[in-house]
């Protein structure tokens, strides 16, 4: 199971938890399982069958390059982070 670190804006949906263990072989499957367990999560992560603009997914130690198709290893850490911009 992947270890998902729940961002602040999603914690209310996750019952205040800061991290949860969720099964999934791909990032898409993990998000579907998150949605099944915590309804409303998918809406905060996915738009038009891709990660929402302004949101990055870090799998292990690397940003995703394959989006929702990213394969997950057992016990992978997953972080959903808002993109940071500035001048």
N, C-alpha and C. Protein backbone atom coordinates (compact mmCIF):
# COMPACT_ATOMS: atom_id res chain seq x y z
N UNK A 1 0.84 -1.18 0.00
CA UNK A 1 0.00 0.00 0.00
C UNK A 1 0.88 1.24 0.00
N UNK A 2 0.42 2.24 -0.70
CA UNK A 2 1.13 3.52 -0.72
C UNK A 2 0.78 4.30 0.54
N UNK A 3 1.72 5.09 0.97
CA UNK A 3 1.52 5.97 2.12
C UNK A 3 1.28 7.36 1.54
N UNK A 4 0.06 7.86 1.70
CA UNK A 4 -0.33 9.14 1.13
C UNK A 4 -0.31 10.20 2.22
N UNK A 5 0.45 11.26 1.98
CA UNK A 5 0.47 12.39 2.90
C UNK A 5 -0.64 13.34 2.48
N UNK A 6 -1.58 13.58 3.37
CA UNK A 6 -2.79 14.34 3.05
C UNK A 6 -2.52 15.83 3.25
N UNK A 7 -2.64 16.62 2.17
CA UNK A 7 -2.44 18.06 2.32
C UNK A 7 -3.52 18.69 3.20
N UNK A 8 -3.20 19.83 3.74
CA UNK A 8 -4.09 20.52 4.68
C UNK A 8 -5.50 20.67 4.13
N UNK A 9 -5.64 21.09 2.85
CA UNK A 9 -6.96 21.36 2.31
C UNK A 9 -7.80 20.09 2.10
N UNK A 10 -7.22 18.91 2.26
CA UNK A 10 -7.95 17.64 2.08
C UNK A 10 -8.19 16.92 3.40
N UNK A 11 -7.61 17.41 4.47
CA UNK A 11 -7.68 16.70 5.75
C UNK A 11 -9.09 16.60 6.32
N UNK A 12 -9.93 17.57 6.07
CA UNK A 12 -11.30 17.51 6.57
C UNK A 12 -12.00 16.28 5.98
N UNK A 13 -11.77 16.01 4.69
CA UNK A 13 -12.38 14.84 4.04
C UNK A 13 -11.81 13.53 4.59
N UNK A 14 -10.56 13.58 5.06
CA UNK A 14 -9.89 12.39 5.58
C UNK A 14 -10.03 12.26 7.09
N UNK A 15 -11.00 12.94 7.66
CA UNK A 15 -11.22 12.85 9.10
C UNK A 15 -10.09 13.45 9.92
N UNK A 16 -9.39 14.43 9.35
CA UNK A 16 -8.31 15.10 10.05
C UNK A 16 -6.96 14.38 9.98
N UNK A 17 -6.92 13.25 9.30
CA UNK A 17 -5.67 12.48 9.21
C UNK A 17 -4.65 13.21 8.34
N UNK A 18 -3.39 13.10 8.74
CA UNK A 18 -2.31 13.72 7.97
C UNK A 18 -1.69 12.74 6.97
N UNK A 19 -1.90 11.46 7.20
CA UNK A 19 -1.44 10.45 6.25
C UNK A 19 -2.34 9.22 6.34
N UNK A 20 -2.47 8.53 5.20
CA UNK A 20 -3.29 7.33 5.13
C UNK A 20 -2.59 6.31 4.22
N UNK A 21 -2.86 5.05 4.45
CA UNK A 21 -2.35 3.99 3.58
C UNK A 21 -3.45 3.58 2.62
N UNK A 22 -3.12 3.60 1.33
CA UNK A 22 -4.11 3.34 0.29
C UNK A 22 -3.50 2.42 -0.76
N UNK A 23 -4.23 1.37 -1.17
CA UNK A 23 -3.71 0.50 -2.22
C UNK A 23 -3.83 1.15 -3.59
N UNK A 24 -2.98 0.71 -4.50
CA UNK A 24 -3.05 1.17 -5.89
C UNK A 24 -1.77 0.82 -6.63
N UNK A 25 -1.93 0.33 -7.84
CA UNK A 25 -0.78 0.00 -8.68
C UNK A 25 -0.35 1.18 -9.54
N UNK A 26 -1.29 2.12 -9.76
CA UNK A 26 -1.00 3.35 -10.49
C UNK A 26 -1.55 4.52 -9.69
N UNK A 27 -1.12 5.72 -10.05
CA UNK A 27 -1.64 6.90 -9.37
C UNK A 27 -3.14 7.02 -9.57
N UNK A 28 -3.63 6.68 -10.75
CA UNK A 28 -5.07 6.71 -11.03
C UNK A 28 -5.83 5.77 -10.09
N UNK A 29 -5.33 4.55 -9.93
CA UNK A 29 -5.98 3.57 -9.05
C UNK A 29 -5.95 4.03 -7.60
N UNK A 30 -4.84 4.61 -7.19
CA UNK A 30 -4.72 5.13 -5.84
C UNK A 30 -5.75 6.22 -5.59
N UNK A 31 -5.92 7.13 -6.55
CA UNK A 31 -6.90 8.22 -6.40
C UNK A 31 -8.32 7.66 -6.35
N UNK A 32 -8.61 6.66 -7.17
CA UNK A 32 -9.93 6.02 -7.12
C UNK A 32 -10.18 5.40 -5.75
N UNK A 33 -9.16 4.76 -5.19
CA UNK A 33 -9.31 4.15 -3.87
C UNK A 33 -9.43 5.21 -2.77
N UNK A 34 -8.72 6.33 -2.94
CA UNK A 34 -8.88 7.45 -2.01
C UNK A 34 -10.33 7.95 -2.04
N UNK A 35 -10.87 8.09 -3.25
CA UNK A 35 -12.24 8.57 -3.41
C UNK A 35 -13.24 7.61 -2.77
N UNK A 36 -13.01 6.31 -2.94
CA UNK A 36 -13.92 5.32 -2.35
C UNK A 36 -13.91 5.41 -0.82
N UNK A 37 -12.76 5.69 -0.28
CA UNK A 37 -12.61 5.74 1.18
C UNK A 37 -13.00 7.11 1.75
N UNK A 38 -12.68 8.16 1.00
CA UNK A 38 -12.94 9.53 1.44
C UNK A 38 -13.62 10.31 0.30
N UNK A 39 -14.93 10.16 0.16
CA UNK A 39 -15.65 10.83 -0.94
C UNK A 39 -15.35 12.33 -0.99
N UNK A 40 -15.10 12.80 -2.21
CA UNK A 40 -14.80 14.21 -2.42
C UNK A 40 -13.34 14.47 -2.71
N UNK A 41 -12.47 13.52 -2.38
CA UNK A 41 -11.03 13.69 -2.59
C UNK A 41 -10.67 13.83 -4.07
N UNK A 42 -11.27 12.99 -4.89
CA UNK A 42 -10.91 12.99 -6.31
C UNK A 42 -11.16 14.36 -6.94
N UNK A 43 -12.24 14.99 -6.55
CA UNK A 43 -12.58 16.31 -7.08
C UNK A 43 -11.49 17.34 -6.79
N UNK A 44 -10.78 17.17 -5.68
CA UNK A 44 -9.71 18.09 -5.31
C UNK A 44 -8.39 17.78 -6.01
N UNK A 45 -8.28 16.60 -6.61
CA UNK A 45 -7.03 16.15 -7.20
C UNK A 45 -7.08 16.09 -8.73
N UNK A 46 -8.23 15.69 -9.27
CA UNK A 46 -8.32 15.40 -10.71
C UNK A 46 -9.32 16.34 -11.39
N UNK A 47 -8.95 16.75 -12.60
CA UNK A 47 -9.84 17.54 -13.46
C UNK A 47 -9.62 17.09 -14.89
N UNK A 48 -10.68 16.77 -15.58
CA UNK A 48 -10.59 16.32 -16.98
C UNK A 48 -9.62 15.15 -17.15
N UNK A 49 -9.69 14.19 -16.24
CA UNK A 49 -8.88 12.97 -16.29
C UNK A 49 -7.37 13.23 -16.25
N UNK A 50 -6.98 14.27 -15.53
CA UNK A 50 -5.56 14.56 -15.29
C UNK A 50 -5.44 15.31 -13.97
N UNK A 51 -4.23 15.40 -13.45
CA UNK A 51 -4.04 16.16 -12.22
C UNK A 51 -4.50 17.59 -12.45
N UNK A 52 -5.13 18.16 -11.45
CA UNK A 52 -5.61 19.53 -11.56
C UNK A 52 -4.45 20.48 -11.84
N UNK A 53 -4.68 21.51 -12.64
CA UNK A 53 -3.64 22.52 -12.84
C UNK A 53 -3.27 23.12 -11.48
N UNK A 54 -2.00 23.34 -11.29
CA UNK A 54 -1.54 23.92 -10.03
C UNK A 54 -1.32 22.90 -8.93
N UNK A 55 -1.45 21.61 -9.26
CA UNK A 55 -1.23 20.55 -8.28
C UNK A 55 -0.17 19.60 -8.81
N UNK A 56 0.79 19.29 -7.97
CA UNK A 56 1.84 18.35 -8.35
C UNK A 56 1.72 17.09 -7.50
N UNK A 57 2.04 15.96 -8.10
CA UNK A 57 2.10 14.70 -7.35
C UNK A 57 3.55 14.27 -7.29
N UNK A 58 4.01 14.02 -6.09
CA UNK A 58 5.36 13.52 -5.87
C UNK A 58 5.23 12.06 -5.47
N UNK A 59 5.85 11.19 -6.25
CA UNK A 59 5.79 9.75 -6.00
C UNK A 59 7.19 9.30 -5.64
N UNK A 60 7.34 8.80 -4.43
CA UNK A 60 8.69 8.51 -3.94
C UNK A 60 9.36 9.85 -3.71
N UNK A 61 10.41 10.11 -4.45
CA UNK A 61 11.11 11.38 -4.34
C UNK A 61 11.05 12.20 -5.61
N UNK A 62 10.26 11.73 -6.60
CA UNK A 62 10.24 12.37 -7.91
C UNK A 62 8.86 12.90 -8.27
N UNK A 63 8.81 14.09 -8.91
CA UNK A 63 7.54 14.55 -9.45
C UNK A 63 7.10 13.60 -10.56
N UNK A 64 5.81 13.42 -10.72
CA UNK A 64 5.32 12.51 -11.74
C UNK A 64 5.56 13.11 -13.12
N UNK A 65 5.91 12.27 -14.06
CA UNK A 65 6.06 12.69 -15.45
C UNK A 65 4.97 12.06 -16.30
N UNK A 66 4.37 10.99 -15.79
CA UNK A 66 3.35 10.26 -16.53
C UNK A 66 1.95 10.53 -15.99
N UNK A 67 1.81 11.50 -15.11
CA UNK A 67 0.49 11.84 -14.57
C UNK A 67 -0.17 10.66 -13.89
N UNK A 68 -1.44 10.43 -14.20
CA UNK A 68 -2.21 9.38 -13.55
C UNK A 68 -1.75 7.98 -13.91
N UNK A 69 -0.96 7.86 -14.97
CA UNK A 69 -0.45 6.55 -15.40
C UNK A 69 0.78 6.11 -14.59
N UNK A 70 1.29 6.97 -13.73
CA UNK A 70 2.49 6.67 -12.96
C UNK A 70 2.31 5.39 -12.16
N UNK A 71 3.23 4.46 -12.33
CA UNK A 71 3.17 3.20 -11.59
C UNK A 71 3.70 3.41 -10.18
N UNK A 72 3.08 2.71 -9.24
CA UNK A 72 3.47 2.82 -7.84
C UNK A 72 4.07 1.51 -7.36
N UNK A 73 5.16 1.63 -6.66
CA UNK A 73 5.77 0.48 -6.00
C UNK A 73 5.09 0.30 -4.64
N UNK A 74 5.09 -0.93 -4.11
CA UNK A 74 4.53 -1.12 -2.77
C UNK A 74 5.25 -0.22 -1.76
N UNK A 75 4.49 0.34 -0.86
CA UNK A 75 4.99 1.20 0.21
C UNK A 75 5.61 2.50 -0.29
N UNK A 76 5.22 2.94 -1.47
CA UNK A 76 5.66 4.23 -2.00
C UNK A 76 5.02 5.36 -1.22
N UNK A 77 5.75 6.45 -1.05
CA UNK A 77 5.17 7.65 -0.45
C UNK A 77 4.63 8.54 -1.56
N UNK A 78 3.43 9.07 -1.37
CA UNK A 78 2.81 9.95 -2.36
C UNK A 78 2.41 11.25 -1.66
N UNK A 79 2.81 12.36 -2.29
CA UNK A 79 2.47 13.69 -1.77
C UNK A 79 1.74 14.44 -2.88
N UNK A 80 0.66 15.12 -2.54
CA UNK A 80 -0.02 16.02 -3.47
C UNK A 80 0.27 17.44 -2.97
N UNK A 81 0.96 18.21 -3.81
CA UNK A 81 1.39 19.54 -3.39
C UNK A 81 0.91 20.61 -4.34
N UNK A 82 0.48 21.75 -3.82
CA UNK A 82 0.13 22.86 -4.70
C UNK A 82 1.41 23.40 -5.35
N UNK A 83 1.31 23.72 -6.62
CA UNK A 83 2.46 24.30 -7.31
C UNK A 83 2.75 25.66 -6.72
N UNK A 84 4.02 25.98 -6.64
CA UNK A 84 4.45 27.25 -6.09
C UNK A 84 4.96 28.11 -7.25
N UNK A 85 4.47 29.32 -7.32
CA UNK A 85 4.93 30.23 -8.36
C UNK A 85 5.25 31.57 -7.74
N UNK A 86 5.94 32.32 -8.47
CA UNK A 86 6.29 33.66 -7.97
C UNK A 86 7.18 34.37 -8.96
N UNK A 87 7.61 35.51 -8.58
CA UNK A 87 8.41 36.30 -9.51
C UNK A 87 9.77 36.60 -8.99
